[in-house]
N, C-alpha and C. Protein backbone atom coordinates (compact mmCIF):
# COMPACT_ATOMS: atom_id res chain seq x y z
N MET A 1 0.85 -1.17 0.00
CA MET A 1 0.00 0.00 0.00
C MET A 1 0.90 1.23 0.00
N ASN A 2 0.57 2.18 -0.87
CA ASN A 2 1.38 3.39 -0.92
C ASN A 2 0.89 4.41 0.12
N LEU A 3 1.66 5.47 0.30
CA LEU A 3 1.36 6.48 1.31
C LEU A 3 0.02 7.14 1.05
N SER A 4 -0.25 7.50 -0.18
CA SER A 4 -1.50 8.18 -0.52
C SER A 4 -2.72 7.33 -0.16
N THR A 5 -2.66 6.05 -0.48
CA THR A 5 -3.77 5.15 -0.16
C THR A 5 -3.91 4.96 1.34
N SER A 6 -2.80 4.86 2.04
CA SER A 6 -2.88 4.67 3.50
C SER A 6 -3.45 5.91 4.18
N LEU A 7 -3.10 7.10 3.69
CA LEU A 7 -3.68 8.32 4.24
C LEU A 7 -5.18 8.38 3.97
N TRP A 8 -5.58 8.05 2.73
CA TRP A 8 -7.00 8.03 2.39
C TRP A 8 -7.74 7.04 3.29
N LEU A 9 -7.17 5.88 3.50
CA LEU A 9 -7.82 4.87 4.33
C LEU A 9 -8.01 5.38 5.76
N PHE A 10 -6.99 6.00 6.33
CA PHE A 10 -7.08 6.52 7.69
C PHE A 10 -8.16 7.61 7.77
N GLN A 11 -8.19 8.51 6.80
CA GLN A 11 -9.20 9.56 6.79
C GLN A 11 -10.59 8.97 6.58
N ALA A 12 -10.71 7.98 5.72
CA ALA A 12 -12.00 7.35 5.46
C ALA A 12 -12.53 6.65 6.70
N VAL A 13 -11.67 5.95 7.42
CA VAL A 13 -12.09 5.28 8.66
C VAL A 13 -12.60 6.32 9.66
N HIS A 14 -11.91 7.45 9.77
CA HIS A 14 -12.34 8.49 10.69
C HIS A 14 -13.65 9.13 10.25
N ALA A 15 -13.80 9.38 8.96
CA ALA A 15 -15.05 9.99 8.47
C ALA A 15 -16.23 9.07 8.76
N ILE A 16 -16.10 7.80 8.46
CA ILE A 16 -17.19 6.85 8.72
C ILE A 16 -17.40 6.70 10.23
N GLY A 17 -16.33 6.64 10.99
CA GLY A 17 -16.45 6.55 12.44
C GLY A 17 -17.21 7.73 13.02
N PHE A 18 -16.90 8.93 12.56
CA PHE A 18 -17.62 10.12 13.01
C PHE A 18 -19.10 10.03 12.61
N ALA A 19 -19.35 9.64 11.38
CA ALA A 19 -20.73 9.56 10.90
C ALA A 19 -21.54 8.58 11.74
N VAL A 20 -20.96 7.43 12.02
CA VAL A 20 -21.66 6.43 12.83
C VAL A 20 -21.85 6.94 14.25
N TRP A 21 -20.80 7.50 14.85
CA TRP A 21 -20.90 8.00 16.22
C TRP A 21 -21.97 9.08 16.33
N LEU A 22 -21.93 10.05 15.41
CA LEU A 22 -22.90 11.13 15.44
C LEU A 22 -24.32 10.61 15.22
N SER A 23 -24.46 9.64 14.35
CA SER A 23 -25.79 9.05 14.10
C SER A 23 -26.33 8.36 15.34
N ILE A 24 -25.48 7.59 15.99
CA ILE A 24 -25.91 6.89 17.21
C ILE A 24 -26.28 7.90 18.30
N ALA A 25 -25.49 8.96 18.43
CA ALA A 25 -25.80 9.99 19.43
C ALA A 25 -27.17 10.60 19.16
N ALA A 26 -27.45 10.92 17.91
CA ALA A 26 -28.75 11.51 17.55
C ALA A 26 -29.88 10.51 17.76
N ILE A 27 -29.67 9.27 17.33
CA ILE A 27 -30.69 8.23 17.50
C ILE A 27 -30.98 8.02 18.99
N ASN A 28 -29.94 7.95 19.79
CA ASN A 28 -30.13 7.77 21.24
C ASN A 28 -30.96 8.91 21.82
N ASN A 29 -30.67 10.14 21.44
CA ASN A 29 -31.42 11.27 21.97
C ASN A 29 -32.86 11.30 21.46
N CYS A 30 -33.10 10.79 20.26
CA CYS A 30 -34.47 10.69 19.74
C CYS A 30 -35.24 9.59 20.47
N ARG A 31 -34.64 8.42 20.56
CA ARG A 31 -35.32 7.27 21.17
C ARG A 31 -35.54 7.45 22.66
N CYS A 32 -34.65 8.10 23.32
CA CYS A 32 -34.74 8.30 24.78
C CYS A 32 -34.87 9.78 25.09
N PHE A 33 -35.72 10.47 24.34
CA PHE A 33 -35.81 11.92 24.47
C PHE A 33 -36.13 12.34 25.90
N ALA A 34 -37.09 11.67 26.53
CA ALA A 34 -37.49 12.06 27.90
C ALA A 34 -36.32 11.88 28.87
N ALA A 35 -35.60 10.78 28.76
CA ALA A 35 -34.47 10.53 29.65
C ALA A 35 -33.34 11.53 29.39
N SER A 36 -33.08 11.82 28.11
CA SER A 36 -32.04 12.79 27.78
C SER A 36 -32.43 14.18 28.26
N ALA A 37 -33.70 14.54 28.10
CA ALA A 37 -34.17 15.84 28.58
C ALA A 37 -34.06 15.91 30.10
N ALA A 38 -34.31 14.80 30.77
CA ALA A 38 -34.16 14.78 32.23
C ALA A 38 -32.70 14.96 32.63
N ALA A 39 -31.78 14.37 31.87
CA ALA A 39 -30.36 14.54 32.16
C ALA A 39 -29.94 16.00 31.95
N VAL A 40 -30.41 16.59 30.86
CA VAL A 40 -30.15 18.01 30.62
C VAL A 40 -30.76 18.83 31.75
N GLY A 41 -31.97 18.46 32.14
CA GLY A 41 -32.66 19.15 33.24
C GLY A 41 -31.92 19.03 34.55
N GLY A 42 -31.27 17.90 34.77
CA GLY A 42 -30.49 17.73 35.99
C GLY A 42 -29.38 18.75 36.09
N THR A 43 -28.75 19.01 34.95
CA THR A 43 -27.69 20.03 34.93
C THR A 43 -28.29 21.43 35.05
N MET A 44 -29.34 21.69 34.25
CA MET A 44 -29.91 23.05 34.23
C MET A 44 -30.61 23.41 35.54
N SER A 45 -31.16 22.44 36.23
CA SER A 45 -31.81 22.71 37.52
C SER A 45 -30.81 22.73 38.67
N MET A 46 -29.59 22.30 38.35
CA MET A 46 -28.49 22.27 39.32
C MET A 46 -28.83 21.37 40.50
N ALA A 47 -29.59 20.30 40.22
CA ALA A 47 -30.08 19.39 41.25
C ALA A 47 -28.95 18.76 42.05
N LEU A 48 -27.86 18.41 41.39
CA LEU A 48 -26.77 17.75 42.10
C LEU A 48 -26.11 18.65 43.14
N LEU A 49 -26.20 19.94 42.94
CA LEU A 49 -25.62 20.86 43.93
C LEU A 49 -26.44 20.91 45.21
N ARG A 50 -27.67 20.45 45.12
CA ARG A 50 -28.57 20.47 46.29
C ARG A 50 -28.54 19.14 47.05
N THR A 51 -27.90 18.12 46.49
CA THR A 51 -27.83 16.85 47.19
C THR A 51 -26.76 16.93 48.27
N ALA A 52 -26.93 16.10 49.29
CA ALA A 52 -26.01 16.14 50.44
C ALA A 52 -24.62 15.68 50.04
N PRO A 53 -23.61 16.34 50.48
CA PRO A 53 -23.64 17.63 51.16
C PRO A 53 -23.90 18.75 50.14
N ALA A 54 -24.87 19.56 50.42
CA ALA A 54 -25.27 20.63 49.51
C ALA A 54 -24.12 21.62 49.32
N VAL A 55 -24.04 22.15 48.12
CA VAL A 55 -23.04 23.16 47.79
C VAL A 55 -23.77 24.50 47.77
N GLU A 56 -23.51 25.32 48.75
CA GLU A 56 -24.14 26.64 48.81
C GLU A 56 -23.30 27.61 47.98
N THR A 57 -23.89 28.07 46.92
CA THR A 57 -23.20 29.00 46.03
C THR A 57 -24.21 29.98 45.46
N PRO A 58 -23.81 31.21 45.25
CA PRO A 58 -24.71 32.17 44.62
C PRO A 58 -25.12 31.75 43.20
N LEU A 59 -24.35 30.85 42.60
CA LEU A 59 -24.66 30.39 41.25
C LEU A 59 -25.98 29.63 41.18
N LEU A 60 -26.48 29.13 42.31
CA LEU A 60 -27.75 28.41 42.33
C LEU A 60 -28.91 29.27 41.84
N ALA A 61 -28.74 30.58 41.88
CA ALA A 61 -29.78 31.48 41.38
C ALA A 61 -30.00 31.31 39.87
N ARG A 62 -29.05 30.69 39.19
CA ARG A 62 -29.16 30.47 37.75
C ARG A 62 -30.00 29.24 37.39
N ALA A 63 -30.33 28.42 38.35
CA ALA A 63 -31.03 27.17 38.09
C ALA A 63 -32.33 27.41 37.33
N ILE A 64 -32.59 26.54 36.37
CA ILE A 64 -33.83 26.58 35.59
C ILE A 64 -34.55 25.25 35.78
N ALA A 65 -35.72 25.29 36.36
CA ALA A 65 -36.48 24.07 36.65
C ALA A 65 -37.48 23.72 35.56
N SER A 66 -37.68 24.57 34.60
CA SER A 66 -38.69 24.37 33.56
C SER A 66 -38.34 23.20 32.64
N THR A 67 -39.19 22.18 32.63
CA THR A 67 -38.95 21.05 31.72
C THR A 67 -39.08 21.48 30.25
N ALA A 68 -39.87 22.50 29.98
CA ALA A 68 -39.98 23.00 28.61
C ALA A 68 -38.64 23.58 28.14
N VAL A 69 -37.97 24.28 29.01
CA VAL A 69 -36.65 24.84 28.66
C VAL A 69 -35.64 23.71 28.51
N HIS A 70 -35.70 22.70 29.36
CA HIS A 70 -34.80 21.55 29.25
C HIS A 70 -34.99 20.86 27.90
N ARG A 71 -36.24 20.66 27.51
CA ARG A 71 -36.54 20.02 26.23
C ARG A 71 -36.06 20.88 25.06
N ALA A 72 -36.26 22.18 25.16
CA ALA A 72 -35.80 23.09 24.10
C ALA A 72 -34.28 23.03 23.94
N ALA A 73 -33.58 22.98 25.06
CA ALA A 73 -32.12 22.89 25.01
C ALA A 73 -31.70 21.58 24.33
N LEU A 74 -32.36 20.49 24.69
CA LEU A 74 -32.04 19.21 24.06
C LEU A 74 -32.39 19.24 22.58
N LEU A 75 -33.50 19.85 22.20
CA LEU A 75 -33.87 19.94 20.79
C LEU A 75 -32.81 20.69 19.99
N MET A 76 -32.22 21.75 20.58
CA MET A 76 -31.16 22.49 19.91
C MET A 76 -29.94 21.58 19.68
N VAL A 77 -29.55 20.86 20.73
CA VAL A 77 -28.42 19.93 20.60
C VAL A 77 -28.73 18.85 19.59
N LEU A 78 -29.93 18.31 19.64
CA LEU A 78 -30.33 17.25 18.72
C LEU A 78 -30.32 17.72 17.27
N ALA A 79 -30.79 18.93 17.03
CA ALA A 79 -30.76 19.47 15.67
C ALA A 79 -29.33 19.57 15.16
N LEU A 80 -28.42 20.02 16.01
CA LEU A 80 -27.01 20.10 15.61
C LEU A 80 -26.42 18.71 15.41
N GLN A 81 -26.80 17.74 16.23
CA GLN A 81 -26.31 16.37 16.06
C GLN A 81 -26.78 15.79 14.73
N ILE A 82 -28.03 16.01 14.40
CA ILE A 82 -28.56 15.49 13.14
C ILE A 82 -27.87 16.16 11.96
N ALA A 83 -27.70 17.48 12.03
CA ALA A 83 -27.00 18.20 10.96
C ALA A 83 -25.58 17.68 10.81
N ALA A 84 -24.90 17.48 11.93
CA ALA A 84 -23.53 16.97 11.88
C ALA A 84 -23.49 15.57 11.27
N ALA A 85 -24.39 14.71 11.69
CA ALA A 85 -24.41 13.33 11.17
C ALA A 85 -24.67 13.33 9.67
N LEU A 86 -25.67 14.08 9.22
CA LEU A 86 -25.99 14.11 7.79
C LEU A 86 -24.82 14.64 6.96
N ALA A 87 -24.21 15.73 7.43
CA ALA A 87 -23.06 16.29 6.70
C ALA A 87 -21.91 15.30 6.68
N CYS A 88 -21.72 14.59 7.76
CA CYS A 88 -20.62 13.62 7.82
C CYS A 88 -20.87 12.44 6.88
N TRP A 89 -22.13 12.00 6.79
CA TRP A 89 -22.45 10.93 5.85
C TRP A 89 -22.22 11.38 4.41
N VAL A 90 -22.61 12.60 4.07
CA VAL A 90 -22.37 13.12 2.72
C VAL A 90 -20.87 13.20 2.47
N GLY A 91 -20.13 13.71 3.44
CA GLY A 91 -18.68 13.79 3.31
C GLY A 91 -18.04 12.42 3.13
N SER A 92 -18.52 11.45 3.88
CA SER A 92 -18.00 10.08 3.76
C SER A 92 -18.30 9.51 2.37
N PHE A 93 -19.51 9.77 1.87
CA PHE A 93 -19.87 9.31 0.53
C PHE A 93 -18.95 9.96 -0.51
N GLU A 94 -18.73 11.26 -0.38
CA GLU A 94 -17.84 11.97 -1.31
C GLU A 94 -16.42 11.40 -1.23
N LEU A 95 -15.99 11.08 -0.05
CA LEU A 95 -14.64 10.54 0.13
C LEU A 95 -14.51 9.19 -0.56
N PHE A 96 -15.53 8.35 -0.42
CA PHE A 96 -15.47 7.00 -1.00
C PHE A 96 -15.82 6.96 -2.48
N PHE A 97 -16.89 7.67 -2.87
CA PHE A 97 -17.43 7.48 -4.21
C PHE A 97 -17.42 8.73 -5.07
N GLY A 98 -17.13 9.87 -4.50
CA GLY A 98 -17.21 11.13 -5.23
C GLY A 98 -15.85 11.66 -5.61
N ALA A 99 -15.63 12.90 -5.28
CA ALA A 99 -14.42 13.62 -5.69
C ALA A 99 -13.26 13.43 -4.72
N GLY A 100 -13.38 12.46 -3.83
CA GLY A 100 -12.30 12.22 -2.87
C GLY A 100 -12.30 13.28 -1.78
N LEU A 101 -11.14 13.49 -1.19
CA LEU A 101 -11.04 14.41 -0.06
C LEU A 101 -11.41 15.84 -0.45
N ALA A 102 -11.08 16.24 -1.66
CA ALA A 102 -11.42 17.61 -2.09
C ALA A 102 -12.92 17.83 -2.07
N GLY A 103 -13.70 16.86 -2.48
CA GLY A 103 -15.15 16.98 -2.45
C GLY A 103 -15.73 16.73 -1.07
N ALA A 104 -15.04 15.93 -0.29
CA ALA A 104 -15.54 15.58 1.05
C ALA A 104 -15.24 16.67 2.07
N ARG A 105 -14.14 17.37 1.89
CA ARG A 105 -13.68 18.31 2.91
C ARG A 105 -14.73 19.35 3.34
N PRO A 106 -15.44 20.01 2.42
CA PRO A 106 -16.45 20.98 2.88
C PRO A 106 -17.54 20.32 3.73
N TRP A 107 -17.95 19.13 3.37
CA TRP A 107 -18.99 18.42 4.14
C TRP A 107 -18.46 17.97 5.49
N LEU A 108 -17.24 17.47 5.50
CA LEU A 108 -16.65 17.04 6.77
C LEU A 108 -16.42 18.23 7.69
N ASN A 109 -15.99 19.36 7.11
CA ASN A 109 -15.81 20.56 7.93
C ASN A 109 -17.14 21.07 8.48
N MET A 110 -18.20 20.95 7.67
CA MET A 110 -19.53 21.33 8.15
C MET A 110 -19.95 20.42 9.31
N ALA A 111 -19.69 19.13 9.16
CA ALA A 111 -20.02 18.17 10.22
C ALA A 111 -19.24 18.50 11.49
N LEU A 112 -17.96 18.77 11.34
CA LEU A 112 -17.14 19.10 12.51
C LEU A 112 -17.58 20.42 13.14
N SER A 113 -18.01 21.36 12.33
CA SER A 113 -18.50 22.64 12.86
C SER A 113 -19.79 22.44 13.66
N ALA A 114 -20.71 21.63 13.14
CA ALA A 114 -21.95 21.35 13.87
C ALA A 114 -21.65 20.57 15.15
N PHE A 115 -20.72 19.63 15.06
CA PHE A 115 -20.30 18.85 16.23
C PHE A 115 -19.72 19.80 17.28
N ALA A 116 -18.81 20.67 16.86
CA ALA A 116 -18.22 21.64 17.80
C ALA A 116 -19.29 22.57 18.36
N ALA A 117 -20.26 22.94 17.55
CA ALA A 117 -21.32 23.84 18.02
C ALA A 117 -22.12 23.20 19.14
N PHE A 118 -22.50 21.93 18.99
CA PHE A 118 -23.28 21.35 20.08
C PHE A 118 -22.41 21.06 21.29
N LEU A 119 -21.13 20.80 21.08
CA LEU A 119 -20.24 20.65 22.24
C LEU A 119 -20.07 21.98 22.97
N PHE A 120 -19.91 23.07 22.22
CA PHE A 120 -19.80 24.38 22.87
C PHE A 120 -21.10 24.74 23.58
N ALA A 121 -22.25 24.35 23.01
CA ALA A 121 -23.52 24.59 23.71
C ALA A 121 -23.52 23.87 25.05
N MET A 122 -23.00 22.66 25.07
CA MET A 122 -22.93 21.91 26.33
C MET A 122 -21.89 22.52 27.28
N HIS A 123 -20.76 22.98 26.73
CA HIS A 123 -19.75 23.64 27.56
C HIS A 123 -20.29 24.92 28.19
N VAL A 124 -20.92 25.74 27.37
CA VAL A 124 -21.45 27.01 27.87
C VAL A 124 -22.55 26.75 28.89
N GLY A 125 -23.47 25.84 28.56
CA GLY A 125 -24.51 25.48 29.53
C GLY A 125 -23.90 24.94 30.81
N GLY A 126 -22.91 24.08 30.65
CA GLY A 126 -22.26 23.49 31.82
C GLY A 126 -21.58 24.52 32.70
N ILE A 127 -20.86 25.44 32.10
CA ILE A 127 -20.17 26.45 32.91
C ILE A 127 -21.19 27.39 33.56
N TRP A 128 -22.27 27.70 32.84
CA TRP A 128 -23.31 28.56 33.40
C TRP A 128 -23.97 27.92 34.61
N PHE A 129 -24.24 26.60 34.50
CA PHE A 129 -24.93 25.88 35.57
C PHE A 129 -23.97 25.15 36.50
N ALA A 130 -22.71 25.54 36.49
CA ALA A 130 -21.69 25.08 37.44
C ALA A 130 -21.52 23.57 37.47
N TYR A 131 -21.51 22.94 36.29
CA TYR A 131 -21.39 21.48 36.29
C TYR A 131 -20.01 20.99 36.70
N TRP A 132 -19.03 21.85 36.72
CA TRP A 132 -17.70 21.41 37.13
C TRP A 132 -17.66 21.02 38.61
N ILE A 133 -18.65 21.47 39.38
CA ILE A 133 -18.64 21.18 40.81
C ILE A 133 -19.00 19.73 41.11
N ARG A 134 -20.03 19.20 40.47
CA ARG A 134 -20.47 17.83 40.75
C ARG A 134 -20.54 16.94 39.52
N GLN A 135 -20.27 17.48 38.35
CA GLN A 135 -20.33 16.69 37.12
C GLN A 135 -19.01 16.82 36.35
N GLU A 136 -17.91 16.72 37.07
CA GLU A 136 -16.61 16.92 36.44
C GLU A 136 -16.33 15.89 35.36
N THR A 137 -16.83 14.67 35.51
CA THR A 137 -16.62 13.65 34.48
C THR A 137 -17.32 14.04 33.19
N LEU A 138 -18.51 14.62 33.30
CA LEU A 138 -19.23 15.10 32.13
C LEU A 138 -18.46 16.22 31.45
N GLN A 139 -17.92 17.13 32.24
CA GLN A 139 -17.12 18.21 31.68
C GLN A 139 -15.89 17.65 30.97
N LEU A 140 -15.23 16.69 31.57
CA LEU A 140 -14.05 16.09 30.93
C LEU A 140 -14.42 15.35 29.64
N THR A 141 -15.58 14.72 29.62
CA THR A 141 -16.05 14.06 28.41
C THR A 141 -16.26 15.09 27.30
N HIS A 142 -16.91 16.20 27.62
CA HIS A 142 -17.13 17.24 26.62
C HIS A 142 -15.80 17.79 26.11
N LEU A 143 -14.84 17.99 27.01
CA LEU A 143 -13.52 18.48 26.59
C LEU A 143 -12.81 17.46 25.69
N SER A 144 -12.91 16.19 26.04
CA SER A 144 -12.29 15.14 25.22
C SER A 144 -12.91 15.09 23.83
N LEU A 145 -14.22 15.20 23.76
CA LEU A 145 -14.90 15.21 22.46
C LEU A 145 -14.47 16.41 21.62
N LEU A 146 -14.30 17.56 22.27
CA LEU A 146 -13.86 18.75 21.54
C LEU A 146 -12.44 18.56 21.01
N MET A 147 -11.58 17.90 21.77
CA MET A 147 -10.23 17.61 21.27
C MET A 147 -10.29 16.66 20.08
N TRP A 148 -11.21 15.71 20.12
CA TRP A 148 -11.41 14.77 19.00
C TRP A 148 -11.82 15.55 17.75
N VAL A 149 -12.73 16.51 17.90
CA VAL A 149 -13.16 17.33 16.78
C VAL A 149 -11.99 18.12 16.21
N MET A 150 -11.19 18.72 17.10
CA MET A 150 -10.05 19.52 16.62
C MET A 150 -9.03 18.64 15.90
N ALA A 151 -8.75 17.47 16.44
CA ALA A 151 -7.81 16.56 15.78
C ALA A 151 -8.33 16.16 14.40
N ALA A 152 -9.63 15.90 14.31
CA ALA A 152 -10.22 15.52 13.02
C ALA A 152 -10.13 16.67 12.03
N PHE A 153 -10.31 17.89 12.50
CA PHE A 153 -10.18 19.04 11.61
C PHE A 153 -8.80 19.06 10.97
N PHE A 154 -7.77 18.84 11.77
CA PHE A 154 -6.42 18.81 11.21
C PHE A 154 -6.22 17.60 10.32
N LEU A 155 -6.78 16.47 10.68
CA LEU A 155 -6.67 15.27 9.85
C LEU A 155 -7.23 15.52 8.45
N PHE A 156 -8.38 16.17 8.38
CA PHE A 156 -9.04 16.36 7.09
C PHE A 156 -8.55 17.58 6.32
N ASN A 157 -7.87 18.51 6.99
CA ASN A 157 -7.53 19.77 6.33
C ASN A 157 -6.05 20.03 6.10
N LEU A 158 -5.16 19.35 6.79
CA LEU A 158 -3.73 19.53 6.54
C LEU A 158 -3.32 18.74 5.30
N ARG A 159 -2.34 19.23 4.64
CA ARG A 159 -1.75 18.48 3.51
C ARG A 159 -0.73 17.52 4.11
N TRP A 160 -0.90 16.25 3.87
CA TRP A 160 -0.05 15.23 4.49
C TRP A 160 1.02 14.71 3.53
N GLN A 161 1.03 15.21 2.34
CA GLN A 161 2.05 14.72 1.38
C GLN A 161 2.80 15.87 0.77
């Protein structure tokens, strides 16, 4: 296998992997919408800060208990997940059957942008609702996913030859 083919293969595996991952994330949020909205609501209501031992902080004034707002927040994330998944599938198709990386790159960049957008929505929501205090693993997961997006951006956009 030559270098060009091995690079294409590595990029193709990542494009398909992203498309599958994003699709599963969107499907999970659709199929378990109520549970996902409750998880979002747990962060937005800052419920964990009230569990023993309670964390007394002025930030608790930011808590939002409205399930309608929790659902709206999840719908925004879900819309971005679906957009990211669809763009990634188109990019993967272009990579495999279309114009190669040149044709795939705009679609993959769009997918990565939508992916980053919903991650930033979760980061901003998390920092606003003080999730670093009791949901540090969730914060680290969001940071890890954002690093994955950034690495993929370089994978798809740098010239490797």
